[in-house]
Amino acid sequence: MKSKFKADLSKEHRLTPLLDVYYQKHLKQYTFERVVDLEQQLLGVDVILTDKKTGATYFVDEKAQLDYVNENLPTFAFELFYEKAKIKKGGWLFDASKKTDFYALVTSIFSDEEDRFTSCNITFVNREKLIQHLSVLNLTSERFQEIVLQHSGHHGKLGLKKLHPLHEGYLFFSTQNKAEKPINLILKLDYLMAIGVARRLV
C-alpha cells in the first residue's frame, strides 16, 4: 500500500505544474494560492482562489483521475463511504468537516512525454449546488446510508431510481477489489454541466 501511496503522490506532484498553468491562463479574474499545509488539505483545500475585484475567497479541492492516465472517461466518482479498520466511514462528498467550495475534477489526463503530464481537462463543480440538487432528488447522505444498508455485500454497479444510468449516474460498490471498499456515486460530467452545478474550465 505504501508504494502505491508514494506513486500516487509522485503523480500528484507531476500534475500540479500543469494545473497551475491552466489556472493562470483561464482564471484571470482570480489570484490562486496552492496550499501545502497537510491539515488544510485534509479539510478539502488544495487551492485558494481570491477574486481580484471583490476579495471573495473560494476553497478548491482537486480530484484527479490518476488511475486512468491516457484515458478519456465521461464520468467522475464522488466518494460516499469507505472502510478503515473494518469500520464504515463517510466519504468526502457529504463530510461536514470539509471546507471545500468547489471540486476541480481533473480528467482526460494525458502523458505524451515520459514523466510529464501534457494535457488534461478540468471541470469545476460547485459542491453546495451539487448537494442541493441531490437533495431535491431525495439523494441525501441519510438516503444513501439506507440504500447501502439495503444492499449490504453488493459489488459493482447499482442503479438509482432518480438517475438515468446511461446519461446521469449510478452507484458503484468496490467491496471486493479495493482495501477501503469505497462506495461511490458515479456522475456523468455532461450531466453535471447540464444541471448547472459544473462548468468546464479546459
N, C-alpha and C. Protein backbone atom coordinates (compact mmCIF):
# COMPACT_ATOMS: atom_id res chain seq x y z
N MET A 1 0.83 -1.21 0.00
CA MET A 1 0.00 0.00 0.00
C MET A 1 0.87 1.26 0.00
N LYS A 2 1.99 1.21 0.78
CA LYS A 2 2.83 2.40 0.90
C LYS A 2 3.41 2.79 -0.46
N SER A 3 3.86 1.76 -1.23
CA SER A 3 4.46 2.07 -2.52
C SER A 3 3.44 2.70 -3.47
N LYS A 4 2.17 2.23 -3.41
CA LYS A 4 1.11 2.82 -4.24
C LYS A 4 0.86 4.26 -3.80
N PHE A 5 0.86 4.48 -2.47
CA PHE A 5 0.67 5.84 -1.94
C PHE A 5 1.76 6.78 -2.46
N LYS A 6 3.01 6.30 -2.41
CA LYS A 6 4.13 7.11 -2.90
C LYS A 6 4.01 7.38 -4.39
N ALA A 7 3.59 6.35 -5.13
CA ALA A 7 3.41 6.51 -6.58
C ALA A 7 2.33 7.54 -6.87
N ASP A 8 1.22 7.49 -6.13
CA ASP A 8 0.12 8.45 -6.30
C ASP A 8 0.60 9.86 -5.99
N LEU A 9 1.39 9.98 -4.92
CA LEU A 9 1.92 11.29 -4.50
C LEU A 9 2.84 11.85 -5.58
N SER A 10 3.65 10.97 -6.16
CA SER A 10 4.55 11.38 -7.24
C SER A 10 3.76 11.89 -8.44
N LYS A 11 2.67 11.18 -8.78
CA LYS A 11 1.82 11.60 -9.89
C LYS A 11 1.18 12.95 -9.61
N GLU A 12 0.72 13.14 -8.37
CA GLU A 12 0.10 14.41 -7.99
C GLU A 12 1.09 15.56 -8.15
N HIS A 13 2.34 15.34 -7.70
CA HIS A 13 3.36 16.39 -7.80
C HIS A 13 3.67 16.72 -9.26
N ARG A 14 3.62 15.70 -10.12
CA ARG A 14 3.89 15.93 -11.55
C ARG A 14 2.72 16.62 -12.25
N LEU A 15 1.52 16.43 -11.70
CA LEU A 15 0.33 17.03 -12.31
C LEU A 15 0.19 18.51 -11.93
N THR A 16 0.65 18.88 -10.75
CA THR A 16 0.46 20.23 -10.21
C THR A 16 0.92 21.36 -11.16
N PRO A 17 2.12 21.28 -11.75
CA PRO A 17 2.55 22.38 -12.64
C PRO A 17 1.59 22.60 -13.81
N LEU A 18 1.05 21.50 -14.37
CA LEU A 18 0.12 21.62 -15.49
C LEU A 18 -1.17 22.32 -15.03
N LEU A 19 -1.68 21.94 -13.86
CA LEU A 19 -2.89 22.57 -13.34
C LEU A 19 -2.66 24.06 -13.10
N ASP A 20 -1.51 24.40 -12.55
CA ASP A 20 -1.20 25.82 -12.28
C ASP A 20 -1.16 26.65 -13.56
N VAL A 21 -0.64 26.06 -14.64
CA VAL A 21 -0.60 26.75 -15.93
C VAL A 21 -2.03 27.04 -16.41
N TYR A 22 -2.91 26.04 -16.28
CA TYR A 22 -4.30 26.21 -16.70
C TYR A 22 -5.03 27.24 -15.84
N TYR A 23 -4.77 27.23 -14.53
CA TYR A 23 -5.41 28.22 -13.65
C TYR A 23 -5.00 29.64 -14.05
N GLN A 24 -3.69 29.82 -14.30
CA GLN A 24 -3.20 31.15 -14.67
C GLN A 24 -3.80 31.62 -15.99
N LYS A 25 -3.99 30.69 -16.90
CA LYS A 25 -4.49 31.03 -18.24
C LYS A 25 -5.99 31.29 -18.25
N HIS A 26 -6.76 30.49 -17.49
CA HIS A 26 -8.22 30.51 -17.60
C HIS A 26 -8.95 31.15 -16.41
N LEU A 27 -8.22 31.46 -15.35
CA LEU A 27 -8.86 32.07 -14.18
C LEU A 27 -8.23 33.43 -13.89
N LYS A 28 -8.24 34.29 -14.90
CA LYS A 28 -7.54 35.58 -14.79
C LYS A 28 -8.20 36.53 -13.81
N GLN A 29 -9.47 36.25 -13.49
CA GLN A 29 -10.20 37.10 -12.53
C GLN A 29 -9.75 36.83 -11.09
N TYR A 30 -9.00 35.73 -10.92
CA TYR A 30 -8.61 35.30 -9.58
C TYR A 30 -7.10 35.22 -9.41
N THR A 31 -6.65 35.43 -8.18
CA THR A 31 -5.30 35.01 -7.82
C THR A 31 -5.46 33.63 -7.19
N PHE A 32 -4.45 32.78 -7.30
CA PHE A 32 -4.58 31.47 -6.68
C PHE A 32 -3.36 31.14 -5.83
N GLU A 33 -3.62 30.49 -4.73
CA GLU A 33 -2.57 30.09 -3.80
C GLU A 33 -2.67 28.58 -3.61
N ARG A 34 -1.58 27.90 -3.88
CA ARG A 34 -1.56 26.45 -3.68
C ARG A 34 -1.27 26.15 -2.21
N VAL A 35 -2.09 25.33 -1.60
CA VAL A 35 -1.98 25.03 -0.17
C VAL A 35 -1.02 23.85 0.03
N VAL A 36 -0.04 24.04 0.91
CA VAL A 36 0.92 22.96 1.19
C VAL A 36 0.71 22.38 2.59
N ASP A 37 -0.09 23.08 3.40
CA ASP A 37 -0.35 22.61 4.77
C ASP A 37 -1.24 21.37 4.74
N LEU A 38 -0.74 20.26 5.28
CA LEU A 38 -1.45 18.98 5.24
C LEU A 38 -2.80 19.05 5.95
N GLU A 39 -2.86 19.79 7.04
CA GLU A 39 -4.10 19.91 7.80
C GLU A 39 -5.21 20.54 6.95
N GLN A 40 -4.84 21.59 6.21
CA GLN A 40 -5.79 22.25 5.31
C GLN A 40 -6.21 21.31 4.18
N GLN A 41 -5.24 20.57 3.65
CA GLN A 41 -5.54 19.63 2.57
C GLN A 41 -6.53 18.56 3.04
N LEU A 42 -6.36 18.09 4.27
CA LEU A 42 -7.27 17.08 4.82
C LEU A 42 -8.68 17.65 5.02
N LEU A 43 -8.78 18.98 5.08
CA LEU A 43 -10.08 19.64 5.19
C LEU A 43 -10.66 19.96 3.81
N GLY A 44 -10.01 19.43 2.77
CA GLY A 44 -10.54 19.60 1.42
C GLY A 44 -10.13 20.89 0.75
N VAL A 45 -8.93 21.39 1.07
CA VAL A 45 -8.46 22.65 0.46
C VAL A 45 -7.08 22.42 -0.16
N ASP A 46 -7.03 22.37 -1.49
CA ASP A 46 -5.76 22.26 -2.21
C ASP A 46 -5.33 23.60 -2.78
N VAL A 47 -6.33 24.41 -3.15
CA VAL A 47 -6.05 25.71 -3.77
C VAL A 47 -7.04 26.73 -3.20
N ILE A 48 -6.56 27.95 -2.97
CA ILE A 48 -7.44 29.04 -2.55
C ILE A 48 -7.49 30.07 -3.68
N LEU A 49 -8.69 30.29 -4.20
CA LEU A 49 -8.90 31.30 -5.24
C LEU A 49 -9.42 32.58 -4.59
N THR A 50 -8.86 33.72 -4.98
CA THR A 50 -9.32 35.01 -4.47
C THR A 50 -9.71 35.90 -5.64
N ASP A 51 -10.96 36.38 -5.62
CA ASP A 51 -11.46 37.26 -6.66
C ASP A 51 -10.73 38.59 -6.57
N LYS A 52 -10.09 39.00 -7.66
CA LYS A 52 -9.28 40.23 -7.67
C LYS A 52 -10.13 41.48 -7.42
N LYS A 53 -11.40 41.44 -7.83
CA LYS A 53 -12.26 42.63 -7.68
C LYS A 53 -12.93 42.69 -6.31
N THR A 54 -13.49 41.56 -5.88
CA THR A 54 -14.29 41.57 -4.64
C THR A 54 -13.53 41.11 -3.40
N GLY A 55 -12.44 40.39 -3.62
CA GLY A 55 -11.68 39.86 -2.48
C GLY A 55 -12.28 38.57 -1.91
N ALA A 56 -13.37 38.10 -2.51
CA ALA A 56 -14.00 36.86 -2.04
C ALA A 56 -13.06 35.68 -2.27
N THR A 57 -13.03 34.76 -1.30
CA THR A 57 -12.15 33.60 -1.44
C THR A 57 -12.96 32.31 -1.56
N TYR A 58 -12.41 31.36 -2.30
CA TYR A 58 -13.06 30.07 -2.52
C TYR A 58 -12.05 28.95 -2.33
N PHE A 59 -12.47 27.92 -1.63
CA PHE A 59 -11.60 26.77 -1.36
C PHE A 59 -11.85 25.67 -2.39
N VAL A 60 -10.78 25.24 -3.04
CA VAL A 60 -10.88 24.25 -4.12
C VAL A 60 -10.19 22.95 -3.71
N ASP A 61 -10.91 21.84 -3.89
CA ASP A 61 -10.35 20.52 -3.65
C ASP A 61 -10.13 19.85 -5.00
N GLU A 62 -8.88 19.55 -5.31
CA GLU A 62 -8.55 18.92 -6.59
C GLU A 62 -8.73 17.41 -6.51
N LYS A 63 -9.49 16.86 -7.45
CA LYS A 63 -9.73 15.42 -7.53
C LYS A 63 -9.31 14.97 -8.92
N ALA A 64 -8.28 14.15 -8.99
CA ALA A 64 -7.73 13.79 -10.30
C ALA A 64 -7.85 12.29 -10.57
N GLN A 65 -8.19 11.95 -11.81
CA GLN A 65 -8.31 10.55 -12.23
C GLN A 65 -6.93 9.99 -12.60
N LEU A 66 -6.06 9.91 -11.60
CA LEU A 66 -4.67 9.50 -11.86
C LEU A 66 -4.52 7.99 -12.10
N ASP A 67 -5.58 7.23 -11.83
CA ASP A 67 -5.54 5.80 -12.14
C ASP A 67 -5.90 5.55 -13.60
N TYR A 68 -6.28 6.62 -14.30
CA TYR A 68 -6.76 6.45 -15.69
C TYR A 68 -6.02 7.40 -16.64
N VAL A 69 -4.69 7.42 -16.52
CA VAL A 69 -3.88 8.28 -17.39
C VAL A 69 -3.98 7.78 -18.84
N ASN A 70 -4.05 8.73 -19.77
CA ASN A 70 -4.20 8.45 -21.21
C ASN A 70 -5.53 7.79 -21.54
N GLU A 71 -6.53 8.05 -20.69
CA GLU A 71 -7.89 7.59 -20.94
C GLU A 71 -8.84 8.77 -20.83
N ASN A 72 -9.93 8.70 -21.58
CA ASN A 72 -10.90 9.78 -21.58
C ASN A 72 -12.23 9.26 -21.03
N LEU A 73 -12.43 9.39 -19.71
CA LEU A 73 -13.65 8.89 -19.09
C LEU A 73 -14.71 10.00 -19.02
N PRO A 74 -15.97 9.67 -19.31
CA PRO A 74 -17.03 10.69 -19.29
C PRO A 74 -17.66 10.89 -17.90
N THR A 75 -17.16 10.15 -16.91
CA THR A 75 -17.77 10.17 -15.56
C THR A 75 -16.75 10.55 -14.50
N PHE A 76 -17.28 10.82 -13.29
CA PHE A 76 -16.39 11.03 -12.15
C PHE A 76 -17.01 10.36 -10.92
N ALA A 77 -16.16 9.84 -10.03
CA ALA A 77 -16.62 9.13 -8.84
C ALA A 77 -16.58 10.05 -7.62
N PHE A 78 -17.73 10.22 -6.99
CA PHE A 78 -17.84 11.02 -5.76
C PHE A 78 -17.97 10.05 -4.58
N GLU A 79 -17.02 10.14 -3.67
CA GLU A 79 -16.93 9.17 -2.57
C GLU A 79 -18.03 9.37 -1.53
N LEU A 80 -18.82 8.31 -1.31
CA LEU A 80 -19.90 8.34 -0.31
C LEU A 80 -19.48 7.65 0.98
N PHE A 81 -18.86 6.47 0.85
CA PHE A 81 -18.44 5.69 2.02
C PHE A 81 -17.15 4.95 1.71
N TYR A 82 -16.41 4.62 2.77
CA TYR A 82 -15.24 3.76 2.65
C TYR A 82 -15.02 3.07 3.99
N GLU A 83 -14.14 2.10 4.02
CA GLU A 83 -13.86 1.38 5.27
C GLU A 83 -12.44 1.64 5.74
N LYS A 84 -12.31 1.78 7.06
CA LYS A 84 -10.99 1.90 7.67
C LYS A 84 -11.01 1.04 8.93
N ALA A 85 -10.09 0.10 9.04
CA ALA A 85 -10.05 -0.84 10.16
C ALA A 85 -11.41 -1.52 10.34
N LYS A 86 -12.00 -1.90 9.19
CA LYS A 86 -13.29 -2.61 9.14
C LYS A 86 -14.48 -1.79 9.66
N ILE A 87 -14.27 -0.47 9.77
CA ILE A 87 -15.36 0.41 10.20
C ILE A 87 -15.75 1.29 9.01
N LYS A 88 -17.06 1.32 8.71
CA LYS A 88 -17.55 2.13 7.58
C LYS A 88 -17.55 3.61 7.97
N LYS A 89 -16.98 4.43 7.10
CA LYS A 89 -16.90 5.87 7.36
C LYS A 89 -17.49 6.65 6.19
N GLY A 90 -17.92 7.86 6.48
CA GLY A 90 -18.47 8.72 5.43
C GLY A 90 -17.38 9.25 4.52
N GLY A 91 -17.65 9.26 3.21
CA GLY A 91 -16.68 9.77 2.25
C GLY A 91 -16.68 11.29 2.19
N TRP A 92 -15.90 11.84 1.25
CA TRP A 92 -15.68 13.29 1.24
C TRP A 92 -16.85 14.11 0.72
N LEU A 93 -17.75 13.53 -0.06
CA LEU A 93 -18.82 14.35 -0.63
C LEU A 93 -19.71 15.00 0.43
N PHE A 94 -20.16 14.21 1.41
CA PHE A 94 -21.07 14.74 2.43
C PHE A 94 -20.37 15.04 3.76
N ASP A 95 -19.05 15.02 3.78
CA ASP A 95 -18.30 15.25 5.02
C ASP A 95 -18.42 16.71 5.44
N ALA A 96 -19.14 16.96 6.54
CA ALA A 96 -19.40 18.33 7.01
C ALA A 96 -18.13 19.05 7.48
N SER A 97 -17.08 18.30 7.77
CA SER A 97 -15.84 18.93 8.24
C SER A 97 -15.03 19.53 7.09
N LYS A 98 -15.35 19.14 5.87
CA LYS A 98 -14.62 19.67 4.71
C LYS A 98 -15.03 21.12 4.43
N LYS A 99 -14.02 21.94 4.09
CA LYS A 99 -14.26 23.37 3.83
C LYS A 99 -14.44 23.66 2.34
N THR A 100 -14.45 22.62 1.53
CA THR A 100 -14.48 22.73 0.07
C THR A 100 -15.67 23.54 -0.45
N ASP A 101 -15.38 24.53 -1.31
CA ASP A 101 -16.43 25.24 -2.05
C ASP A 101 -16.61 24.64 -3.44
N PHE A 102 -15.48 24.30 -4.06
CA PHE A 102 -15.50 23.75 -5.42
C PHE A 102 -14.60 22.54 -5.52
N TYR A 103 -15.03 21.56 -6.30
CA TYR A 103 -14.15 20.47 -6.69
C TYR A 103 -13.59 20.82 -8.06
N ALA A 104 -12.28 20.64 -8.22
CA ALA A 104 -11.67 20.74 -9.54
C ALA A 104 -11.45 19.30 -10.00
N LEU A 105 -12.34 18.81 -10.85
CA LEU A 105 -12.26 17.43 -11.32
C LEU A 105 -11.31 17.37 -12.51
N VAL A 106 -10.21 16.66 -12.34
CA VAL A 106 -9.18 16.60 -13.38
C VAL A 106 -9.31 15.26 -14.10
N THR A 107 -9.69 15.33 -15.36
CA THR A 107 -9.95 14.13 -16.16
C THR A 107 -9.18 14.19 -17.48
N SER A 108 -9.26 13.10 -18.23
CA SER A 108 -8.56 13.03 -19.54
C SER A 108 -7.12 13.50 -19.40
N ILE A 109 -6.42 12.93 -18.42
CA ILE A 109 -5.02 13.29 -18.16
C ILE A 109 -4.14 12.51 -19.13
N PHE A 110 -3.40 13.25 -19.96
CA PHE A 110 -2.55 12.59 -20.95
C PHE A 110 -1.08 12.89 -20.69
N SER A 111 -0.27 11.86 -20.90
CA SER A 111 1.17 11.98 -20.72
C SER A 111 1.83 11.56 -22.02
N ASP A 112 2.08 12.54 -22.88
CA ASP A 112 2.68 12.25 -24.18
C ASP A 112 4.21 12.23 -24.11
N GLU A 113 4.74 12.63 -22.94
CA GLU A 113 6.19 12.59 -22.74
C GLU A 113 6.46 11.84 -21.44
N GLU A 114 7.59 11.19 -21.36
CA GLU A 114 7.91 10.40 -20.17
C GLU A 114 8.01 11.29 -18.93
N ASP A 115 7.36 10.86 -17.86
CA ASP A 115 7.39 11.56 -16.57
C ASP A 115 6.84 12.98 -16.61
N ARG A 116 5.97 13.26 -17.60
CA ARG A 116 5.39 14.61 -17.66
C ARG A 116 3.97 14.51 -18.21
N PHE A 117 3.04 15.16 -17.49
CA PHE A 117 1.67 15.24 -17.97
C PHE A 117 1.56 16.44 -18.90
N THR A 118 0.98 16.22 -20.07
CA THR A 118 0.99 17.26 -21.10
C THR A 118 -0.35 17.94 -21.33
N SER A 119 -1.44 17.27 -20.95
CA SER A 119 -2.76 17.91 -21.09
C SER A 119 -3.77 17.22 -20.18
N CYS A 120 -4.84 17.94 -19.90
CA CYS A 120 -5.93 17.38 -19.09
C CYS A 120 -7.16 18.27 -19.24
N ASN A 121 -8.28 17.78 -18.78
CA ASN A 121 -9.49 18.59 -18.67
C ASN A 121 -9.73 18.91 -17.20
N ILE A 122 -10.26 20.09 -16.94
CA ILE A 122 -10.62 20.46 -15.56
C ILE A 122 -12.07 20.92 -15.56
N THR A 123 -12.88 20.30 -14.73
CA THR A 123 -14.28 20.68 -14.57
C THR A 123 -14.50 21.14 -13.14
N PHE A 124 -14.95 22.38 -12.99
CA PHE A 124 -15.22 22.92 -11.66
C PHE A 124 -16.66 22.58 -11.26
N VAL A 125 -16.83 22.00 -10.08
CA VAL A 125 -18.15 21.64 -9.56
C VAL A 125 -18.41 22.40 -8.28
N ASN A 126 -19.54 23.11 -8.24
CA ASN A 126 -19.95 23.81 -7.03
C ASN A 126 -20.50 22.78 -6.05
N ARG A 127 -19.77 22.54 -4.98
CA ARG A 127 -20.13 21.46 -4.05
C ARG A 127 -21.52 21.67 -3.44
N GLU A 128 -21.80 22.88 -2.98
CA GLU A 128 -23.09 23.16 -2.33
C GLU A 128 -24.26 22.95 -3.31
N LYS A 129 -24.09 23.44 -4.54
CA LYS A 129 -25.15 23.28 -5.55
C LYS A 129 -25.38 21.80 -5.88
N LEU A 130 -24.29 21.03 -5.93
CA LEU A 130 -24.42 19.60 -6.22
C LEU A 130 -25.21 18.90 -5.11
N ILE A 131 -24.84 19.17 -3.86
CA ILE A 131 -25.53 18.55 -2.73
C ILE A 131 -27.00 18.96 -2.68
N GLN A 132 -27.27 20.23 -3.00
CA GLN A 132 -28.66 20.72 -3.04
C GLN A 132 -29.45 19.99 -4.13
N HIS A 133 -28.83 19.83 -5.29
CA HIS A 133 -29.50 19.14 -6.40
C HIS A 133 -29.82 17.69 -6.02
N LEU A 134 -28.86 17.02 -5.42
CA LEU A 134 -29.08 15.63 -4.99
C LEU A 134 -30.19 15.55 -3.95
N SER A 135 -30.24 16.56 -3.08
CA SER A 135 -31.28 16.61 -2.04
C SER A 135 -32.67 16.70 -2.65
N VAL A 136 -32.79 17.50 -3.72
CA VAL A 136 -34.07 17.64 -4.43
C VAL A 136 -34.52 16.27 -4.98
N LEU A 137 -33.55 15.44 -5.34
CA LEU A 137 -33.84 14.10 -5.86
C LEU A 137 -34.01 13.08 -4.72
N ASN A 138 -34.00 13.58 -3.49
CA ASN A 138 -34.03 12.72 -2.29
C ASN A 138 -32.82 11.80 -2.23
N LEU A 139 -31.70 12.29 -2.73
CA LEU A 139 -30.45 11.55 -2.63
C LEU A 139 -29.55 12.27 -1.61
N THR A 140 -29.98 12.18 -0.36
CA THR A 140 -29.25 12.81 0.75
C THR A 140 -28.27 11.80 1.35
N SER A 141 -27.43 12.28 2.22
CA SER A 141 -26.49 11.39 2.92
C SER A 141 -27.24 10.26 3.63
N GLU A 142 -28.35 10.62 4.28
CA GLU A 142 -29.16 9.63 5.01
C GLU A 142 -29.77 8.60 4.06
N ARG A 143 -30.25 9.07 2.91
CA ARG A 143 -30.85 8.16 1.94
C ARG A 143 -29.81 7.18 1.39
N PHE A 144 -28.61 7.70 1.12
CA PHE A 144 -27.55 6.82 0.63
C PHE A 144 -27.19 5.77 1.69
N GLN A 145 -27.20 6.16 2.96
CA GLN A 145 -26.94 5.19 4.03
C GLN A 145 -27.97 4.07 4.01
N GLU A 146 -29.24 4.43 3.81
CA GLU A 146 -30.31 3.43 3.74
C GLU A 146 -30.10 2.48 2.56
N ILE A 147 -29.77 3.04 1.40
CA ILE A 147 -29.56 2.23 0.20
C ILE A 147 -28.40 1.25 0.41
N VAL A 148 -27.32 1.74 1.01
CA VAL A 148 -26.14 0.89 1.25
C VAL A 148 -26.48 -0.24 2.23
N LEU A 149 -27.25 0.07 3.25
CA LEU A 149 -27.67 -0.97 4.21
C LEU A 149 -28.54 -2.03 3.53
N GLN A 150 -29.42 -1.57 2.65
CA GLN A 150 -30.31 -2.49 1.93
C GLN A 150 -29.55 -3.41 0.98
N HIS A 151 -28.38 -2.95 0.53
CA HIS A 151 -27.60 -3.73 -0.45
C HIS A 151 -26.24 -4.12 0.13
N SER A 152 -26.24 -4.45 1.40
CA SER A 152 -25.02 -4.88 2.08
C SER A 152 -24.40 -6.08 1.36
N GLY A 153 -23.10 -5.99 1.12
CA GLY A 153 -22.40 -7.08 0.43
C GLY A 153 -22.43 -6.98 -1.08
N HIS A 154 -23.17 -6.00 -1.60
CA HIS A 154 -23.26 -5.83 -3.06
C HIS A 154 -21.90 -5.42 -3.62
N HIS A 155 -21.59 -5.88 -4.82
CA HIS A 155 -20.37 -5.44 -5.50
C HIS A 155 -20.73 -5.06 -6.93
N GLY A 156 -20.20 -3.93 -7.37
CA GLY A 156 -20.43 -3.48 -8.74
C GLY A 156 -21.47 -2.38 -8.83
N LYS A 157 -22.05 -2.25 -9.99
CA LYS A 157 -22.97 -1.15 -10.33
C LYS A 157 -24.35 -1.35 -9.69
N LEU A 158 -24.94 -0.24 -9.25
CA LEU A 158 -26.31 -0.28 -8.72
C LEU A 158 -27.06 0.95 -9.21
N GLY A 159 -28.17 0.74 -9.92
CA GLY A 159 -28.95 1.85 -10.44
C GLY A 159 -29.73 2.58 -9.36
N LEU A 160 -30.05 3.83 -9.62
CA LEU A 160 -30.85 4.65 -8.71
C LEU A 160 -32.09 5.12 -9.46
N LYS A 161 -33.23 5.10 -8.78
CA LYS A 161 -34.50 5.47 -9.43
C LYS A 161 -34.47 6.88 -10.03
N LYS A 162 -33.80 7.79 -9.37
CA LYS A 162 -33.84 9.20 -9.79
C LYS A 162 -32.78 9.58 -10.83
N LEU A 163 -31.90 8.65 -11.16
CA LEU A 163 -30.85 8.97 -12.13
C LEU A 163 -30.85 7.95 -13.27
N HIS A 164 -30.76 8.44 -14.49
CA HIS A 164 -30.66 7.55 -15.64
C HIS A 164 -29.23 6.99 -15.68
N PRO A 165 -29.07 5.65 -15.63
CA PRO A 165 -27.72 5.07 -15.51
C PRO A 165 -26.79 5.36 -16.68
N LEU A 166 -27.35 5.57 -17.87
CA LEU A 166 -26.50 5.84 -19.03
C LEU A 166 -26.15 7.31 -19.20
N HIS A 167 -27.09 8.19 -18.83
CA HIS A 167 -26.90 9.62 -19.11
C HIS A 167 -26.64 10.48 -17.88
N GLU A 168 -26.90 9.95 -16.70
CA GLU A 168 -26.79 10.78 -15.48
C GLU A 168 -25.85 10.16 -14.44
N GLY A 169 -26.23 9.01 -13.88
CA GLY A 169 -25.35 8.43 -12.88
C GLY A 169 -25.88 7.18 -12.22
N TYR A 170 -25.08 6.60 -11.32
CA TYR A 170 -25.42 5.37 -10.61
C TYR A 170 -24.46 5.20 -9.44
N LEU A 171 -24.70 4.19 -8.62
CA LEU A 171 -23.79 3.86 -7.52
C LEU A 171 -22.84 2.76 -7.97
N PHE A 172 -21.63 2.78 -7.38
CA PHE A 172 -20.70 1.68 -7.66
C PHE A 172 -20.05 1.24 -6.35
N PHE A 173 -20.22 -0.05 -6.05
CA PHE A 173 -19.66 -0.65 -4.83
C PHE A 173 -18.37 -1.39 -5.19
N SER A 174 -17.24 -0.95 -4.63
CA SER A 174 -15.96 -1.66 -4.85
C SER A 174 -15.64 -2.46 -3.58
N THR A 175 -16.51 -3.42 -3.26
CA THR A 175 -16.39 -4.13 -1.98
C THR A 175 -15.46 -5.34 -2.05
N GLN A 176 -15.07 -5.75 -3.26
CA GLN A 176 -14.26 -6.96 -3.37
C GLN A 176 -12.84 -6.71 -3.89
N ASN A 177 -12.63 -5.58 -4.54
CA ASN A 177 -11.34 -5.40 -5.21
C ASN A 177 -10.49 -4.26 -4.65
N LYS A 178 -11.00 -3.54 -3.64
CA LYS A 178 -10.22 -2.44 -3.06
C LYS A 178 -10.22 -2.53 -1.54
N ALA A 179 -9.06 -2.25 -0.94
CA ALA A 179 -8.89 -2.41 0.51
C ALA A 179 -9.88 -1.55 1.30
N GLU A 180 -10.12 -0.32 0.83
CA GLU A 180 -11.01 0.59 1.57
C GLU A 180 -12.48 0.38 1.24
N LYS A 181 -12.77 -0.54 0.31
CA LYS A 181 -14.14 -0.87 -0.09
C LYS A 181 -15.01 0.37 -0.32
N PRO A 182 -14.55 1.30 -1.16
CA PRO A 182 -15.32 2.52 -1.37
C PRO A 182 -16.66 2.28 -2.06
N ILE A 183 -17.63 3.12 -1.69
CA ILE A 183 -18.91 3.14 -2.38
C ILE A 183 -19.04 4.55 -2.95
N ASN A 184 -19.10 4.63 -4.27
CA ASN A 184 -19.05 5.93 -4.95
C ASN A 184 -20.33 6.21 -5.73
N LEU A 185 -20.65 7.50 -5.80
CA LEU A 185 -21.71 7.98 -6.69
C LEU A 185 -21.02 8.38 -7.99
N ILE A 186 -21.31 7.65 -9.06
CA ILE A 186 -20.69 7.93 -10.36
C ILE A 186 -21.62 8.86 -11.14
N LEU A 187 -21.11 10.03 -11.50
CA LEU A 187 -21.93 11.00 -12.23
C LEU A 187 -21.27 11.38 -13.55
N LYS A 188 -22.10 11.55 -14.57
CA LYS A 188 -21.61 11.98 -15.89
C LYS A 188 -21.23 13.45 -15.83
N LEU A 189 -20.09 13.79 -16.38
CA LEU A 189 -19.63 15.19 -16.40
C LEU A 189 -20.60 16.06 -17.20
N ASP A 190 -21.10 15.55 -18.31
CA ASP A 190 -22.06 16.32 -19.12
C ASP A 190 -23.35 16.60 -18.34
N TYR A 191 -23.76 15.65 -17.53
CA TYR A 191 -24.96 15.82 -16.68
C TYR A 191 -24.73 16.93 -15.66
N LEU A 192 -23.55 16.93 -15.03
CA LEU A 192 -23.24 17.97 -14.03
C LEU A 192 -23.29 19.36 -14.65
N MET A 193 -22.81 19.47 -15.90
CA MET A 193 -22.86 20.76 -16.58
C MET A 193 -24.28 21.11 -17.01
N ALA A 194 -25.03 20.11 -17.44
CA ALA A 194 -26.41 20.34 -17.90
C ALA A 194 -27.33 20.84 -16.77
N ILE A 195 -27.09 20.38 -15.55
CA ILE A 195 -27.95 20.79 -14.42
C ILE A 195 -27.43 22.06 -13.74
N GLY A 196 -26.34 22.62 -14.27
CA GLY A 196 -25.86 23.93 -13.79
C GLY A 196 -25.04 23.92 -12.52
N VAL A 197 -24.47 22.76 -12.17
CA VAL A 197 -23.63 22.73 -10.95
C VAL A 197 -22.15 22.68 -11.31
N ALA A 198 -21.84 22.61 -12.61
CA ALA A 198 -20.45 22.49 -13.03
C ALA A 198 -20.19 23.26 -14.31
N ARG A 199 -18.92 23.62 -14.52
CA ARG A 199 -18.53 24.22 -15.80
C ARG A 199 -17.12 23.75 -16.14
N ARG A 200 -16.89 23.56 -17.41
CA ARG A 200 -15.59 23.11 -17.88
C ARG A 200 -14.64 24.29 -17.97
N LEU A 201 -13.52 24.17 -17.29
CA LEU A 201 -12.50 25.22 -17.34
C LEU A 201 -11.66 25.03 -18.59
N VAL A 202 -11.26 23.79 -18.83
CA VAL A 202 -10.45 23.49 -20.01
C VAL A 202 -10.66 22.04 -20.41
